[in-house]
N, C-alpha and C. Protein backbone atom coordinates (compact mmCIF):
# COMPACT_ATOMS: atom_id res chain seq x y z
N MET A 1 247.56 112.77 268.72
CA MET A 1 246.13 112.93 268.98
C MET A 1 245.70 111.87 269.99
N ASN A 2 245.01 112.33 271.01
CA ASN A 2 244.50 111.44 272.04
C ASN A 2 243.37 110.59 271.45
N ALA A 3 243.50 109.27 271.56
CA ALA A 3 242.51 108.35 270.98
C ALA A 3 241.15 108.46 271.67
N ASP A 4 241.11 109.07 272.86
CA ASP A 4 239.84 109.22 273.58
C ASP A 4 239.21 110.60 273.36
N HIS A 5 239.70 111.34 272.42
CA HIS A 5 239.17 112.68 272.17
C HIS A 5 237.74 112.58 271.65
N PRO A 6 236.80 113.32 272.23
CA PRO A 6 235.40 113.20 271.83
C PRO A 6 235.12 113.52 270.36
N VAL A 7 235.83 114.50 269.81
CA VAL A 7 235.61 114.83 268.40
C VAL A 7 236.11 113.70 267.51
N LEU A 8 237.28 113.17 267.83
CA LEU A 8 237.82 112.05 267.06
C LEU A 8 236.89 110.85 267.15
N ASN A 9 236.39 110.58 268.34
CA ASN A 9 235.45 109.45 268.50
C ASN A 9 234.19 109.66 267.67
N ALA A 10 233.69 110.86 267.62
CA ALA A 10 232.49 111.15 266.82
C ALA A 10 232.79 110.96 265.33
N LEU A 11 233.95 111.44 264.88
CA LEU A 11 234.32 111.26 263.48
C LEU A 11 234.48 109.78 263.13
N LEU A 12 235.07 109.02 264.02
CA LEU A 12 235.25 107.59 263.78
C LEU A 12 233.92 106.84 263.79
N GLU A 13 233.02 107.25 264.65
CA GLU A 13 231.70 106.62 264.68
C GLU A 13 230.95 106.89 263.38
N GLN A 14 231.07 108.10 262.88
CA GLN A 14 230.46 108.43 261.59
C GLN A 14 231.09 107.59 260.48
N LEU A 15 232.40 107.41 260.54
CA LEU A 15 233.08 106.58 259.54
C LEU A 15 232.59 105.14 259.61
N ARG A 16 232.41 104.61 260.81
CA ARG A 16 231.89 103.24 260.94
C ARG A 16 230.51 103.12 260.33
N SER A 17 229.68 104.13 260.56
CA SER A 17 228.34 104.14 260.00
C SER A 17 228.38 104.18 258.47
N LEU A 18 229.25 105.03 257.93
CA LEU A 18 229.38 105.14 256.48
C LEU A 18 229.92 103.85 255.87
N ASN A 19 230.87 103.22 256.56
CA ASN A 19 231.39 101.94 256.06
C ASN A 19 230.31 100.86 256.06
N GLU A 20 229.45 100.89 257.07
CA GLU A 20 228.34 99.93 257.12
C GLU A 20 227.38 100.17 255.96
N GLN A 21 227.06 101.44 255.71
CA GLN A 21 226.18 101.76 254.58
C GLN A 21 226.81 101.31 253.27
N TYR A 22 228.11 101.52 253.13
CA TYR A 22 228.80 101.14 251.90
C TYR A 22 228.81 99.62 251.72
N SER A 23 228.96 98.89 252.83
CA SER A 23 228.96 97.42 252.71
C SER A 23 227.59 96.89 252.33
N GLN A 24 226.52 97.57 252.77
CA GLN A 24 225.17 97.15 252.43
C GLN A 24 224.77 97.63 251.03
N PHE A 25 225.22 98.80 250.65
CA PHE A 25 224.86 99.40 249.36
C PHE A 25 226.13 99.94 248.69
N PRO A 26 226.92 99.04 248.09
CA PRO A 26 228.18 99.48 247.48
C PRO A 26 227.95 100.25 246.18
N ASN A 27 227.95 101.55 246.29
CA ASN A 27 227.82 102.39 245.10
C ASN A 27 228.80 103.55 245.22
N GLU A 28 228.89 104.32 244.16
CA GLU A 28 229.87 105.41 244.12
C GLU A 28 229.62 106.48 245.16
N ILE A 29 228.37 106.79 245.41
CA ILE A 29 228.03 107.84 246.38
C ILE A 29 228.47 107.44 247.78
N ASN A 30 228.16 106.20 248.17
CA ASN A 30 228.56 105.75 249.51
C ASN A 30 230.07 105.64 249.63
N ARG A 31 230.74 105.21 248.57
CA ARG A 31 232.20 105.14 248.61
C ARG A 31 232.79 106.55 248.74
N TYR A 32 232.23 107.51 248.03
CA TYR A 32 232.68 108.90 248.12
C TYR A 32 232.55 109.40 249.55
N ARG A 33 231.43 109.08 250.20
CA ARG A 33 231.22 109.53 251.57
C ARG A 33 232.26 108.94 252.52
N VAL A 34 232.60 107.66 252.32
CA VAL A 34 233.62 107.02 253.16
C VAL A 34 234.97 107.71 252.96
N VAL A 35 235.35 107.91 251.71
CA VAL A 35 236.64 108.55 251.43
C VAL A 35 236.69 109.97 251.98
N ARG A 36 235.59 110.70 251.81
CA ARG A 36 235.52 112.08 252.32
C ARG A 36 235.69 112.10 253.84
N GLN A 37 235.06 111.16 254.54
CA GLN A 37 235.17 111.10 256.00
C GLN A 37 236.60 110.73 256.41
N GLU A 38 237.21 109.79 255.69
CA GLU A 38 238.60 109.42 256.00
C GLU A 38 239.53 110.61 255.83
N ARG A 39 239.31 111.40 254.78
CA ARG A 39 240.14 112.59 254.55
C ARG A 39 239.91 113.64 255.62
N LEU A 40 238.68 113.79 256.06
CA LEU A 40 238.39 114.73 257.14
C LEU A 40 239.12 114.33 258.42
N ILE A 41 239.10 113.04 258.73
CA ILE A 41 239.81 112.56 259.92
C ILE A 41 241.30 112.79 259.76
N ALA A 42 241.84 112.52 258.57
CA ALA A 42 243.27 112.72 258.33
C ALA A 42 243.66 114.19 258.48
N GLN A 43 242.77 115.10 258.09
CA GLN A 43 243.05 116.52 258.25
C GLN A 43 242.94 116.94 259.72
N TRP A 44 241.96 116.40 260.41
CA TRP A 44 241.70 116.81 261.78
C TRP A 44 242.72 116.20 262.75
N ALA A 45 243.12 114.96 262.45
CA ALA A 45 244.05 114.25 263.33
C ALA A 45 245.21 113.69 262.50
N PRO A 46 246.15 114.56 262.08
CA PRO A 46 247.27 114.09 261.27
C PRO A 46 248.04 112.97 261.98
N GLY A 47 248.38 111.96 261.22
CA GLY A 47 249.14 110.85 261.79
C GLY A 47 248.28 109.77 262.41
N PHE A 48 246.96 109.96 262.43
CA PHE A 48 246.09 108.95 262.99
C PHE A 48 246.09 107.73 262.07
N SER A 49 246.18 106.54 262.66
CA SER A 49 246.22 105.31 261.87
C SER A 49 244.87 104.63 261.92
N PHE A 50 244.32 104.31 260.75
CA PHE A 50 243.04 103.60 260.67
C PHE A 50 243.20 102.11 260.96
N ALA A 51 244.45 101.63 261.00
CA ALA A 51 244.71 100.21 261.23
C ALA A 51 244.50 99.83 262.69
N ALA A 52 244.37 100.79 263.56
CA ALA A 52 244.26 100.51 265.01
C ALA A 52 242.97 99.85 265.36
C-alpha cells in the first residue's frame, strides 16, 4: 500500500483524531472507536504497520 494514498491518509487522520479523543476522555466508547478504526485500516491496507 502506497503510504501517500489519499484514502489511507484520511483513515490515519481519523485514527489520530480518535486517539486524541481517547487520551482526553479515556472511556470504553472512545477506546472502541480507536480499535474499530485500526481494524478498518488493517482491512483496507493489509500489512500496514502502525509503528511507522
